[in-house]
Amino acid sequence: THVSDTSVVLSMDNNRNLDLDSI
């Protein structure tokens, strides 16, 4: 479960970074 949670968190972080870069 830890791995899954980490993957989700990384995905969210990546999405946030992309959004910030877009702005």
Protein backbone atom coordinates (compact mmCIF):
# COMPACT_ATOMS: atom_id res chain seq x y z
CA THR A 1 0.00 0.00 0.00
CA HIS A 2 2.88 2.33 0.69
CA VAL A 3 4.09 1.97 -2.88
CA SER A 4 0.63 2.70 -4.26
CA ASP A 5 0.26 5.76 -2.03
CA THR A 6 3.68 7.00 -3.08
CA SER A 7 2.81 6.55 -6.75
CA VAL A 8 -0.38 8.55 -6.30
CA VAL A 9 1.46 11.31 -4.46
CA LEU A 10 4.15 11.46 -7.16
CA SER A 11 1.44 11.65 -9.82
CA MET A 12 -0.27 14.52 -8.00
CA ASP A 13 3.05 16.32 -7.58
CA ASN A 14 3.83 15.87 -11.28
CA ASN A 15 0.43 17.27 -12.24
CA ARG A 16 0.95 20.28 -9.94
CA ASN A 17 4.38 20.91 -11.44
CA LEU A 18 2.92 20.79 -14.96
CA ASP A 19 0.15 23.21 -13.95
CA LEU A 20 2.67 25.60 -12.37
CA ASP A 21 4.87 25.41 -15.48
CA SER A 22 1.84 26.15 -17.66
CA ILE A 23 1.17 29.28 -15.64
